[in-house]
Amino acid sequence: MRLRLVVSALTAMFFASGNYATAHHSFAMFDQDNQVDLEGVVQEFRFIAPHTFIILEVKQEDGTTEVWALEGVSPSALAREGWTRTSLRPGDEIKLRVAPLRSGVPGGAWVTQQIKFRDGKPVAANP
């Protein structure tokens, strides 16, 4: 009887944690169908788990600047593609395509296949 109770409890915890993991990895907040091209200056590159971030200063048509928070994949996924914590540095000028936040807040998601330095050079070469 006690073994059955333990197995039932572990099974319930397994299924409960699965729902949390699925919710955490949802990309519903990003508009994948209406991606935008950005050019800007890196303020900060956060090479941290669970997701990397680029804080990018983007110059607007009226001359003002807007800061975008851009979420990327995990550091381990970037490392497999040749990235390190110093692949982007403050002051680097980059071009990239992002899936913007649906809320309209300046932010979005980026992927390594759609980012390069302003001069066209890749940020990191595949190993």
Protein backbone atom coordinates (compact mmCIF):
# COMPACT_ATOMS: atom_id res chain seq x y z
CA MET A 1 0.00 0.00 0.00
CA ARG A 2 2.78 2.41 0.92
CA LEU A 3 4.65 1.69 -2.32
CA ARG A 4 1.49 2.39 -4.33
CA LEU A 5 1.11 5.76 -2.55
CA VAL A 6 4.74 6.71 -3.27
CA VAL A 7 4.43 5.74 -6.94
CA SER A 8 1.19 7.73 -7.24
CA ALA A 9 2.78 10.78 -5.65
CA LEU A 10 5.84 10.60 -7.92
CA THR A 11 3.64 10.20 -10.99
CA ALA A 12 1.57 13.23 -10.01
CA MET A 13 4.72 15.31 -9.45
CA PHE A 14 6.09 14.24 -12.84
CA PHE A 15 2.96 15.34 -14.70
CA ALA A 16 2.69 18.59 -12.72
CA SER A 17 6.29 19.54 -13.48
CA GLY A 18 5.77 18.75 -17.19
CA ASN A 19 3.07 21.41 -17.45
CA TYR A 20 5.35 23.98 -15.83
CA ALA A 21 8.19 23.22 -18.23
CA THR A 22 5.89 23.49 -21.23
CA ALA A 23 4.54 26.83 -20.05
CA HIS A 24 8.04 28.17 -19.42
CA HIS A 25 9.15 27.36 -22.95
CA SER A 26 6.18 28.88 -24.73
CA PHE A 27 7.01 31.40 -27.44
CA ALA A 28 3.43 32.66 -27.72
CA MET A 29 4.46 36.10 -26.50
CA PHE A 30 6.59 36.60 -29.65
CA ASP A 31 5.05 37.44 -33.03
CA GLN A 32 6.85 34.93 -35.26
CA ASP A 33 4.74 35.90 -38.29
CA ASN A 34 5.72 39.59 -38.30
CA GLN A 35 9.45 39.66 -37.68
CA VAL A 36 11.32 42.96 -37.80
CA ASP A 37 14.86 43.92 -38.77
CA LEU A 38 16.82 45.93 -36.21
CA GLU A 39 20.16 47.71 -36.24
CA GLY A 40 21.68 48.97 -33.06
CA VAL A 41 24.45 49.19 -30.54
CA VAL A 42 24.88 46.48 -27.93
CA GLN A 43 24.57 47.86 -24.42
CA GLU A 44 24.92 44.47 -22.75
CA PHE A 45 25.15 40.79 -23.67
CA ARG A 46 23.90 38.51 -20.91
CA PHE A 47 25.34 35.02 -21.42
CA ILE A 48 23.32 33.48 -18.60
CA ALA A 49 20.98 30.54 -18.09
CA PRO A 50 18.29 29.78 -18.83
CA HIS A 51 18.21 32.26 -21.76
CA THR A 52 20.73 34.73 -23.12
CA PHE A 53 19.78 38.37 -23.64
CA ILE A 54 21.00 41.21 -25.80
CA ILE A 55 20.19 44.69 -24.55
CA LEU A 56 20.23 46.76 -27.73
CA GLU A 57 20.00 50.51 -28.25
CA VAL A 58 18.11 51.16 -31.48
CA LYS A 59 18.08 54.59 -33.14
CA GLN A 60 14.58 55.67 -34.23
CA GLU A 61 13.72 57.67 -37.36
CA ASP A 62 13.17 60.83 -35.26
CA GLY A 63 16.70 60.57 -33.81
CA THR A 64 15.68 59.27 -30.39
CA THR A 65 16.83 55.90 -29.15
CA GLU A 66 14.86 52.96 -27.82
CA VAL A 67 16.27 50.11 -25.75
CA TRP A 68 15.18 46.61 -26.77
CA ALA A 69 15.51 43.52 -24.52
CA LEU A 70 16.07 40.56 -26.84
CA GLU A 71 15.84 36.98 -25.60
CA GLY A 72 17.94 34.24 -27.13
CA VAL A 73 18.61 30.56 -26.61
CA SER A 74 20.56 29.08 -23.71
CA PRO A 75 24.30 29.68 -23.30
CA SER A 76 24.98 25.99 -23.95
CA ALA A 77 23.11 26.15 -27.28
CA LEU A 78 25.11 29.24 -28.27
CA ALA A 79 28.38 27.58 -27.21
CA ARG A 80 27.66 24.68 -29.57
CA GLU A 81 27.57 27.26 -32.37
CA GLY A 82 30.88 28.83 -31.38
CA TRP A 83 29.62 31.67 -29.17
CA THR A 84 31.24 32.74 -25.90
CA ARG A 85 30.33 35.31 -23.27
CA THR A 86 32.55 37.80 -25.16
CA SER A 87 31.07 37.22 -28.64
CA LEU A 88 29.18 40.51 -28.24
CA ARG A 89 30.56 43.45 -26.30
CA PRO A 90 29.11 46.82 -25.32
CA GLY A 91 29.51 49.15 -28.28
CA ASP A 92 29.31 46.45 -30.95
CA GLU A 93 27.05 47.43 -33.83
CA ILE A 94 24.81 44.61 -35.01
CA LYS A 95 21.97 43.84 -37.42
CA LEU A 96 19.43 41.18 -36.63
CA ARG A 97 15.92 39.97 -37.31
CA VAL A 98 13.68 39.45 -34.28
CA ALA A 99 10.23 38.16 -33.51
CA PRO A 100 8.87 41.17 -31.57
CA LEU A 101 6.81 40.97 -28.41
CA ARG A 102 3.09 40.91 -29.16
CA SER A 103 2.54 43.47 -26.40
CA GLY A 104 4.32 46.19 -28.39
CA VAL A 105 6.99 46.66 -25.72
CA PRO A 106 10.43 47.00 -27.35
CA GLY A 107 11.66 43.44 -27.06
CA GLY A 108 11.65 40.14 -28.83
CA ALA A 109 13.37 36.87 -29.58
CA TRP A 110 16.48 36.41 -31.71
CA VAL A 111 18.22 33.41 -33.21
CA THR A 112 21.85 32.96 -34.25
CA GLN A 113 21.00 32.44 -37.92
CA GLN A 114 19.64 36.00 -38.17
CA ILE A 115 22.34 38.10 -36.52
CA LYS A 116 25.58 39.64 -37.78
CA PHE A 117 27.80 42.63 -37.17
CA ARG A 118 26.81 45.80 -39.01
CA ASP A 119 29.64 45.25 -41.52
CA GLY A 120 28.15 41.85 -42.44
CA LYS A 121 30.61 39.63 -40.59
CA PRO A 122 29.12 36.75 -38.59
CA VAL A 123 29.13 37.13 -34.82
CA ALA A 124 30.53 33.63 -34.28
CA ALA A 125 31.75 31.00 -36.66
CA ASN A 126 30.50 27.46 -36.28
CA PRO A 127 33.18 25.26 -34.64
